[in-house]
């Protein structure tokens, strides 16, 4: 195994990541800072949703099309995020 890339953007530990089901360069990360970060793996650019949850985020999951992301956190919430399909 060889390290390919490092992605830095969270202010606290990262708890979960989820790869986009259709676009291999897109993934999301989330963690103790309550932020969700959308990453483009090919150019290391990102889009941050600050305070996506009031507390730590435990899990992320895309739907099969990739236009919906679900997050769950320590604030007793499950949040559904929607965007237009990217393909």
PDB file of N, CA and C in Angstrom:
ATOM      1  N   UNK A   1       0.840  -1.181   0.000  1.00  0.00           N
ATOM      2  CA  UNK A   1       0.000   0.000   0.000  1.00  0.00           C
ATOM      3  C   UNK A   1       0.883   1.241   0.000  1.00  0.00           C
ATOM      4  N   UNK A   2       0.452   2.240  -0.751  1.00  0.00           N
ATOM      5  CA  UNK A   2       1.204   3.475  -0.866  1.00  0.00           C
ATOM      6  C   UNK A   2       0.241   4.652  -0.722  1.00  0.00           C
ATOM      7  N   UNK A   3       0.603   5.619   0.082  1.00  0.00           N
ATOM      8  CA  UNK A   3      -0.224   6.817   0.267  1.00  0.00           C
ATOM      9  C   UNK A   3      -0.258   7.608  -1.031  1.00  0.00           C
ATOM     10  N   UNK A   4      -1.474   7.965  -1.474  1.00  0.00           N
ATOM     11  CA  UNK A   4      -1.634   8.702  -2.718  1.00  0.00           C
ATOM     12  C   UNK A   4      -1.878  10.189  -2.505  1.00  0.00           C
ATOM     13  N   UNK A   5      -2.650  10.533  -1.482  1.00  0.00           N
ATOM     14  CA  UNK A   5      -3.047  11.926  -1.288  1.00  0.00           C
ATOM     15  C   UNK A   5      -3.472  12.125   0.164  1.00  0.00           C
ATOM     16  N   UNK A   6      -3.322  13.351   0.670  1.00  0.00           N
ATOM     17  CA  UNK A   6      -3.819  13.734   1.986  1.00  0.00           C
ATOM     18  C   UNK A   6      -4.792  14.887   1.780  1.00  0.00           C
ATOM     19  N   UNK A   7      -5.958  14.802   2.413  1.00  0.00           N
ATOM     20  CA  UNK A   7      -6.975  15.842   2.331  1.00  0.00           C
ATOM     21  C   UNK A   7      -7.154  16.443   3.711  1.00  0.00           C
ATOM     22  N   UNK A   8      -6.894  17.729   3.837  1.00  0.00           N
ATOM     23  CA  UNK A   8      -7.035  18.419   5.121  1.00  0.00           C
ATOM     24  C   UNK A   8      -8.086  19.509   4.992  1.00  0.00           C
ATOM     25  N   UNK A   9      -8.980  19.546   5.986  1.00  0.00           N
ATOM     26  CA  UNK A   9     -10.023  20.552   5.954  1.00  0.00           C
ATOM     27  C   UNK A   9     -10.858  20.585   7.229  1.00  0.00           C
ATOM     28  N   UNK A  10     -10.858  19.482   7.955  1.00  0.00           N
ATOM     29  CA  UNK A  10     -11.614  19.420   9.202  1.00  0.00           C
ATOM     30  C   UNK A  10     -10.793  19.999  10.350  1.00  0.00           C
ATOM     31  N   UNK A  11     -11.490  20.597  11.307  1.00  0.00           N
ATOM     32  CA  UNK A  11     -10.831  21.190  12.473  1.00  0.00           C
ATOM     33  C   UNK A  11     -10.672  20.183  13.608  1.00  0.00           C
ATOM     34  N   UNK A  12     -11.423  19.075  13.544  1.00  0.00           N
ATOM     35  CA  UNK A  12     -11.328  18.005  14.539  1.00  0.00           C
ATOM     36  C   UNK A  12     -11.302  16.674  13.795  1.00  0.00           C
ATOM     37  N   UNK A  13     -11.351  15.569  14.551  1.00  0.00           N
ATOM     38  CA  UNK A  13     -11.198  14.262  13.917  1.00  0.00           C
ATOM     39  C   UNK A  13     -12.315  13.971  12.914  1.00  0.00           C
ATOM     40  N   UNK A  14     -11.961  13.198  11.894  1.00  0.00           N
ATOM     41  CA  UNK A  14     -12.886  12.755  10.862  1.00  0.00           C
ATOM     42  C   UNK A  14     -13.454  11.403  11.288  1.00  0.00           C
ATOM     43  N   UNK A  15     -14.770  11.278  11.254  1.00  0.00           N
ATOM     44  CA  UNK A  15     -15.424  10.045  11.686  1.00  0.00           C
ATOM     45  C   UNK A  15     -15.878   9.154  10.535  1.00  0.00           C
ATOM     46  N   UNK A  16     -16.196   9.753   9.376  1.00  0.00           N
ATOM     47  CA  UNK A  16     -16.775   8.969   8.297  1.00  0.00           C
ATOM     48  C   UNK A  16     -16.511   9.615   6.946  1.00  0.00           C
ATOM     49  N   UNK A  17     -16.453   8.782   5.922  1.00  0.00           N
ATOM     50  CA  UNK A  17     -16.410   9.271   4.547  1.00  0.00           C
ATOM     51  C   UNK A  17     -17.388   8.448   3.724  1.00  0.00           C
ATOM     52  N   UNK A  18     -17.808   9.002   2.596  1.00  0.00           N
ATOM     53  CA  UNK A  18     -18.683   8.279   1.679  1.00  0.00           C
ATOM     54  C   UNK A  18     -18.329   8.688   0.254  1.00  0.00           C
ATOM     55  N   UNK A  19     -18.005   7.695  -0.596  1.00  0.00           N
ATOM     56  CA  UNK A  19     -17.696   7.959  -2.001  1.00  0.00           C
ATOM     57  C   UNK A  19     -18.980   8.103  -2.787  1.00  0.00           C
ATOM     58  N   UNK A  20     -18.993   9.038  -3.732  1.00  0.00           N
ATOM     59  CA  UNK A  20     -20.140   9.227  -4.610  1.00  0.00           C
ATOM     60  C   UNK A  20     -20.333   7.946  -5.434  1.00  0.00           C
ATOM     61  N   UNK A  21     -21.580   7.484  -5.586  1.00  0.00           N
ATOM     62  CA  UNK A  21     -21.801   6.209  -6.266  1.00  0.00           C
ATOM     63  C   UNK A  21     -21.602   6.258  -7.785  1.00  0.00           C
ATOM     64  N   UNK A  22     -21.613   7.437  -8.383  1.00  0.00           N
ATOM     65  CA  UNK A  22     -21.505   7.553  -9.841  1.00  0.00           C
ATOM     66  C   UNK A  22     -20.229   8.246 -10.309  1.00  0.00           C
ATOM     67  N   UNK A  23     -19.723   9.179  -9.524  1.00  0.00           N
ATOM     68  CA  UNK A  23     -18.566   9.974  -9.931  1.00  0.00           C
ATOM     69  C   UNK A  23     -17.396   9.611  -9.030  1.00  0.00           C
ATOM     70  N   UNK A  24     -16.420   8.909  -9.570  1.00  0.00           N
ATOM     71  CA  UNK A  24     -15.355   8.337  -8.749  1.00  0.00           C
ATOM     72  C   UNK A  24     -14.449   9.374  -8.095  1.00  0.00           C
ATOM     73  N   UNK A  25     -14.431  10.612  -8.567  1.00  0.00           N
ATOM     74  CA  UNK A  25     -13.573  11.641  -7.970  1.00  0.00           C
ATOM     75  C   UNK A  25     -14.231  12.397  -6.813  1.00  0.00           C
ATOM     76  N   UNK A  26     -15.510  12.154  -6.548  1.00  0.00           N
ATOM     77  CA  UNK A  26     -16.239  12.901  -5.517  1.00  0.00           C
ATOM     78  C   UNK A  26     -16.453  12.025  -4.286  1.00  0.00           C
ATOM     79  N   UNK A  27     -16.117  12.587  -3.112  1.00  0.00           N
ATOM     80  CA  UNK A  27     -16.451  11.932  -1.853  1.00  0.00           C
ATOM     81  C   UNK A  27     -16.741  12.996  -0.807  1.00  0.00           C
ATOM     82  N   UNK A  28     -17.375  12.590   0.279  1.00  0.00           N
ATOM     83  CA  UNK A  28     -17.696  13.484   1.390  1.00  0.00           C
ATOM     84  C   UNK A  28     -17.045  12.956   2.657  1.00  0.00           C
ATOM     85  N   UNK A  29     -16.721  13.885   3.543  1.00  0.00           N
ATOM     86  CA  UNK A  29     -16.199  13.509   4.856  1.00  0.00           C
ATOM     87  C   UNK A  29     -16.941  14.315   5.916  1.00  0.00           C
ATOM     88  N   UNK A  30     -16.981  13.770   7.128  1.00  0.00           N
ATOM     89  CA  UNK A  30     -17.637  14.453   8.243  1.00  0.00           C
ATOM     90  C   UNK A  30     -17.020  13.978   9.545  1.00  0.00           C
ATOM     91  N   UNK A  31     -17.177  14.791  10.587  1.00  0.00           N
ATOM     92  CA  UNK A  31     -16.576  14.402  11.854  1.00  0.00           C
ATOM     93  C   UNK A  31     -17.033  15.211  13.038  1.00  0.00           C
ATOM     94  N   UNK A  32     -16.144  15.333  14.006  1.00  0.00           N
ATOM     95  CA  UNK A  32     -16.456  15.935  15.295  1.00  0.00           C
ATOM     96  C   UNK A  32     -16.711  17.432  15.221  1.00  0.00           C
ATOM     97  N   UNK A  33     -16.272  18.087  14.137  1.00  0.00           N
ATOM     98  CA  UNK A  33     -16.496  19.537  14.017  1.00  0.00           C
ATOM     99  C   UNK A  33     -17.890  19.878  13.506  1.00  0.00           C
ATOM    100  N   UNK A  34     -18.713  18.868  13.183  1.00  0.00           N
ATOM    101  CA  UNK A  34     -20.078  19.105  12.722  1.00  0.00           C
ATOM    102  C   UNK A  34     -20.188  19.541  11.275  1.00  0.00           C
ATOM    103  N   UNK A  35     -19.074  19.525  10.539  1.00  0.00           N
ATOM    104  CA  UNK A  35     -19.060  19.950   9.140  1.00  0.00           C
ATOM    105  C   UNK A  35     -19.093  18.750   8.205  1.00  0.00           C
ATOM    106  N   UNK A  36     -19.711  18.950   7.044  1.00  0.00           N
ATOM    107  CA  UNK A  36     -19.643  18.001   5.943  1.00  0.00           C
ATOM    108  C   UNK A  36     -18.814  18.665   4.859  1.00  0.00           C
ATOM    109  N   UNK A  37     -17.829  17.949   4.331  1.00  0.00           N
ATOM    110  CA  UNK A  37     -17.000  18.488   3.260  1.00  0.00           C
ATOM    111  C   UNK A  37     -17.136  17.596   2.032  1.00  0.00           C
ATOM    112  N   UNK A  38     -17.518  18.223   0.904  1.00  0.00           N
ATOM    113  CA  UNK A  38     -17.540  17.556  -0.395  1.00  0.00           C
ATOM    114  C   UNK A  38     -16.177  17.771  -1.041  1.00  0.00           C
ATOM    115  N   UNK A  39     -15.516  16.692  -1.427  1.00  0.00           N
ATOM    116  CA  UNK A  39     -14.173  16.751  -2.002  1.00  0.00           C
ATOM    117  C   UNK A  39     -14.187  16.323  -3.457  1.00  0.00           C
ATOM    118  N   UNK A  40     -13.355  16.971  -4.262  1.00  0.00           N
ATOM    119  CA  UNK A  40     -13.045  16.497  -5.601  1.00  0.00           C
ATOM    120  C   UNK A  40     -11.640  15.922  -5.513  1.00  0.00           C
ATOM    121  N   UNK A  41     -11.534  14.612  -5.560  1.00  0.00           N
ATOM    122  CA  UNK A  41     -10.259  13.939  -5.328  1.00  0.00           C
ATOM    123  C   UNK A  41      -9.218  14.265  -6.399  1.00  0.00           C
ATOM    124  N   UNK A  42      -9.655  14.598  -7.597  1.00  0.00           N
ATOM    125  CA  UNK A  42      -8.691  14.824  -8.673  1.00  0.00           C
ATOM    126  C   UNK A  42      -7.966  16.158  -8.556  1.00  0.00           C
ATOM    127  N   UNK A  43      -8.606  17.158  -7.949  1.00  0.00           N
ATOM    128  CA  UNK A  43      -7.935  18.461  -7.847  1.00  0.00           C
ATOM    129  C   UNK A  43      -7.863  19.002  -6.420  1.00  0.00           C
ATOM    130  N   UNK A  44      -8.274  18.195  -5.428  1.00  0.00           N
ATOM    131  CA  UNK A  44      -8.200  18.555  -4.008  1.00  0.00           C
ATOM    132  C   UNK A  44      -9.031  19.792  -3.658  1.00  0.00           C
ATOM    133  N   UNK A  45     -10.016  20.146  -4.489  1.00  0.00           N
ATOM    134  CA  UNK A  45     -10.914  21.253  -4.165  1.00  0.00           C
ATOM    135  C   UNK A  45     -12.045  20.711  -3.306  1.00  0.00           C
ATOM    136  N   UNK A  46     -12.637  21.598  -2.483  1.00  0.00           N
ATOM    137  CA  UNK A  46     -13.719  21.151  -1.623  1.00  0.00           C
ATOM    138  C   UNK A  46     -14.787  22.211  -1.460  1.00  0.00           C
ATOM    139  N   UNK A  47     -15.937  21.758  -0.980  1.00  0.00           N
ATOM    140  CA  UNK A  47     -17.059  22.621  -0.624  1.00  0.00           C
ATOM    141  C   UNK A  47     -17.472  22.230   0.784  1.00  0.00           C
ATOM    142  N   UNK A  48     -17.490  23.189   1.710  1.00  0.00           N
ATOM    143  CA  UNK A  48     -17.741  22.907   3.122  1.00  0.00           C
ATOM    144  C   UNK A  48     -19.148  23.348   3.511  1.00  0.00           C
ATOM    145  N   UNK A  49     -19.881  22.448   4.167  1.00  0.00           N
ATOM    146  CA  UNK A  49     -21.144  22.812   4.825  1.00  0.00           C
ATOM    147  C   UNK A  49     -20.813  22.941   6.300  1.00  0.00           C
ATOM    148  N   UNK A  50     -20.575  24.176   6.746  1.00  0.00           N
ATOM    149  CA  UNK A  50     -20.247  24.413   8.153  1.00  0.00           C
ATOM    150  C   UNK A  50     -21.491  24.213   9.003  1.00  0.00           C
ATOM    151  N   UNK A  51     -21.287  23.673  10.194  1.00  0.00           N
ATOM    152  CA  UNK A  51     -22.379  23.441  11.139  1.00  0.00           C
ATOM    153  C   UNK A  51     -23.527  22.646  10.515  1.00  0.00           C
ATOM    154  N   UNK A  52     -23.172  21.639   9.732  1.00  0.00           N
ATOM    155  CA  UNK A  52     -24.192  20.761   9.162  1.00  0.00           C
ATOM    156  C   UNK A  52     -25.001  20.106  10.282  1.00  0.00           C
ATOM    157  N   UNK A  53     -24.329  19.799  11.376  1.00  0.00           N
ATOM    158  CA  UNK A  53     -24.966  19.317  12.604  1.00  0.00           C
ATOM    159  C   UNK A  53     -24.430  20.158  13.760  1.00  0.00           C
ATOM    160  N   UNK A  54     -25.224  20.254  14.827  1.00  0.00           N
ATOM    161  CA  UNK A  54     -24.811  21.025  16.001  1.00  0.00           C
ATOM    162  C   UNK A  54     -23.677  20.349  16.771  1.00  0.00           C
ATOM    163  N   UNK A  55     -23.552  19.047  16.596  1.00  0.00           N
ATOM    164  CA  UNK A  55     -22.516  18.280  17.287  1.00  0.00           C
ATOM    165  C   UNK A  55     -21.853  17.339  16.293  1.00  0.00           C
ATOM    166  N   UNK A  56     -21.121  16.384  16.808  1.00  0.00           N
ATOM    167  CA  UNK A  56     -20.364  15.417  16.024  1.00  0.00           C
ATOM    168  C   UNK A  56     -21.238  14.660  15.022  1.00  0.00           C
ATOM    169  N   UNK A  57     -20.696  14.405  13.819  1.00  0.00           N
ATOM    170  CA  UNK A  57     -21.374  13.616  12.797  1.00  0.00           C
ATOM    171  C   UNK A  57     -20.773  12.214  12.799  1.00  0.00           C
ATOM    172  N   UNK A  58     -21.661  11.207  12.792  1.00  0.00           N
ATOM    173  CA  UNK A  58     -21.212   9.822  12.880  1.00  0.00           C
ATOM    174  C   UNK A  58     -21.206   9.086  11.542  1.00  0.00           C
ATOM    175  N   UNK A  59     -22.141   9.421  10.630  1.00  0.00           N
ATOM    176  CA  UNK A  59     -22.253   8.620   9.415  1.00  0.00           C
ATOM    177  C   UNK A  59     -22.757   9.456   8.244  1.00  0.00           C
ATOM    178  N   UNK A  60     -22.342   9.083   7.038  1.00  0.00           N
ATOM    179  CA  UNK A  60     -22.778   9.682   5.782  1.00  0.00           C
ATOM    180  C   UNK A  60     -23.112   8.562   4.813  1.00  0.00           C
ATOM    181  N   UNK A  61     -24.130   8.785   3.973  1.00  0.00           N
ATOM    182  CA  UNK A  61     -24.457   7.793   2.957  1.00  0.00           C
ATOM    183  C   UNK A  61     -25.148   8.468   1.780  1.00  0.00           C
ATOM    184  N   UNK A  62     -24.665   8.190   0.553  1.00  0.00           N
ATOM    185  CA  UNK A  62     -25.309   8.665  -0.674  1.00  0.00           C
ATOM    186  C   UNK A  62     -26.393   7.686  -1.095  1.00  0.00           C
ATOM    187  N   UNK A  63     -27.420   8.192  -1.781  1.00  0.00           N
ATOM    188  CA  UNK A  63     -28.376   7.307  -2.430  1.00  0.00           C
ATOM    189  C   UNK A  63     -27.731   6.779  -3.715  1.00  0.00           C
ATOM    190  N   UNK A  64     -28.307   5.771  -4.380  1.00  0.00           N
ATOM    191  CA  UNK A  64     -27.663   5.171  -5.549  1.00  0.00           C
ATOM    192  C   UNK A  64     -27.424   6.137  -6.717  1.00  0.00           C
ATOM    193  N   UNK A  65     -28.225   7.185  -6.849  1.00  0.00           N
ATOM    194  CA  UNK A  65     -28.036   8.155  -7.933  1.00  0.00           C
ATOM    195  C   UNK A  65     -26.947   9.164  -7.568  1.00  0.00           C
ATOM    196  N   UNK A  66     -26.813   9.468  -6.294  1.00  0.00           N
ATOM    197  CA  UNK A  66     -25.786  10.391  -5.840  1.00  0.00           C
ATOM    198  C   UNK A  66     -26.244  11.820  -5.651  1.00  0.00           C
ATOM    199  N   UNK A  67     -27.542  12.077  -5.791  1.00  0.00           N
ATOM    200  CA  UNK A  67     -28.031  13.445  -5.593  1.00  0.00           C
ATOM    201  C   UNK A  67     -28.565  13.684  -4.185  1.00  0.00           C
ATOM    202  N   UNK A  68     -28.598  12.657  -3.357  1.00  0.00           N
ATOM    203  CA  UNK A  68     -29.042  12.789  -1.969  1.00  0.00           C
ATOM    204  C   UNK A  68     -27.977  12.197  -1.052  1.00  0.00           C
ATOM    205  N   UNK A  69     -27.637  12.951  -0.018  1.00  0.00           N
ATOM    206  CA  UNK A  69     -26.697  12.516   1.015  1.00  0.00           C
ATOM    207  C   UNK A  69     -27.430  12.584   2.345  1.00  0.00           C
ATOM    208  N   UNK A  70     -27.295  11.547   3.146  1.00  0.00           N
ATOM    209  CA  UNK A  70     -27.915  11.501   4.473  1.00  0.00           C
ATOM    210  C   UNK A  70     -26.797  11.515   5.509  1.00  0.00           C
ATOM    211  N   UNK A  71     -26.974  12.339   6.547  1.00  0.00           N
ATOM    212  CA  UNK A  71     -25.999  12.400   7.638  1.00  0.00           C
ATOM    213  C   UNK A  71     -26.697  12.166   8.961  1.00  0.00           C
ATOM    214  N   UNK A  72     -25.967  11.561   9.899  1.00  0.00           N
ATOM    215  CA  UNK A  72     -26.514  11.364  11.250  1.00  0.00           C
ATOM    216  C   UNK A  72     -25.481  11.829  12.252  1.00  0.00           C
ATOM    217  N   UNK A  73     -25.982  12.413  13.350  1.00  0.00           N
ATOM    218  CA  UNK A  73     -25.047  12.981  14.301  1.00  0.00           C
ATOM    219  C   UNK A  73     -25.449  12.837  15.745  1.00  0.00           C
ATOM    220  N   UNK A  74     -24.579  13.355  16.601  1.00  0.00           N
ATOM    221  CA  UNK A  74     -24.760  13.308  18.045  1.00  0.00           C
ATOM    222  C   UNK A  74     -25.777  14.338  18.532  1.00  0.00           C
ATOM    223  N   UNK A  75     -26.370  15.090  17.621  1.00  0.00           N
ATOM    224  CA  UNK A  75     -27.407  16.058  17.983  1.00  0.00           C
ATOM    225  C   UNK A  75     -28.806  15.455  17.862  1.00  0.00           C
ATOM    226  N   UNK A  76     -28.873  14.119  17.796  1.00  0.00           N
ATOM    227  CA  UNK A  76     -30.133  13.364  17.696  1.00  0.00           C
ATOM    228  C   UNK A  76     -30.887  13.644  16.407  1.00  0.00           C
ATOM    229  N   UNK A  77     -30.166  14.011  15.337  1.00  0.00           N
ATOM    230  CA  UNK A  77     -30.799  14.330  14.054  1.00  0.00           C
ATOM    231  C   UNK A  77     -30.255  13.456  12.935  1.00  0.00           C
ATOM    232  N   UNK A  78     -31.150  13.158  12.010  1.00  0.00           N
ATOM    233  CA  UNK A  78     -30.779  12.619  10.711  1.00  0.00           C
ATOM    234  C   UNK A  78     -31.151  13.702   9.717  1.00  0.00           C
ATOM    235  N   UNK A  79     -30.194  14.127   8.904  1.00  0.00           N
ATOM    236  CA  UNK A  79     -30.454  15.198   7.935  1.00  0.00           C
ATOM    237  C   UNK A  79     -30.297  14.652   6.524  1.00  0.00           C
ATOM    238  N   UNK A  80     -31.182  15.110   5.641  1.00  0.00           N
ATOM    239  CA  UNK A  80     -31.176  14.717   4.244  1.00  0.00           C
ATOM    240  C   UNK A  80     -30.785  15.938   3.423  1.00  0.00           C
ATOM    241  N   UNK A  81     -29.725  15.782   2.626  1.00  0.00           N
ATOM    242  CA  UNK A  81     -29.195  16.862   1.793  1.00  0.00           C
ATOM    243  C   UNK A  81     -29.426  16.488   0.342  1.00  0.00           C
ATOM    244  N   UNK A  82     -29.979  17.438  -0.441  1.00  0.00           N
ATOM    245  CA  UNK A  82     -30.271  17.149  -1.844  1.00  0.00           C
ATOM    246  C   UNK A  82     -29.639  18.188  -2.760  1.00  0.00           C
ATOM    247  N   UNK A  83     -29.171  17.735  -3.901  1.00  0.00           N
ATOM    248  CA  UNK A  83     -28.656  18.608  -4.944  1.00  0.00           C
ATOM    249  C   UNK A  83     -29.040  18.017  -6.292  1.00  0.00           C
ATOM    250  N   UNK A  84     -28.883  18.802  -7.334  1.00  0.00           N
ATOM    251  CA  UNK A  84     -29.143  18.283  -8.676  1.00  0.00           C
ATOM    252  C   UNK A  84     -28.102  17.230  -9.011  1.00  0.00           C
ATOM    253  N   UNK A  85     -28.492  16.196  -9.768  1.00  0.00           N
ATOM    254  CA  UNK A  85     -27.501  15.193 -10.179  1.00  0.00           C
ATOM    255  C   UNK A  85     -26.339  15.848 -10.935  1.00  0.00           C
ATOM    256  N   UNK A  86     -25.122  15.297 -10.754  1.00  0.00           N
ATOM    257  CA  UNK A  86     -23.920  15.900 -11.322  1.00  0.00           C
ATOM    258  C   UNK A  86     -23.561  15.273 -12.671  1.00  0.00           C
ATOM    259  N   UNK A  87     -24.289  14.306 -13.145  1.00  0.00           N
ATOM    260  CA  UNK A  87     -23.880  13.641 -14.383  1.00  0.00           C
ATOM    261  C   UNK A  87     -24.826  13.926 -15.523  1.00  0.00           C
TER     262      UNK A  87
END
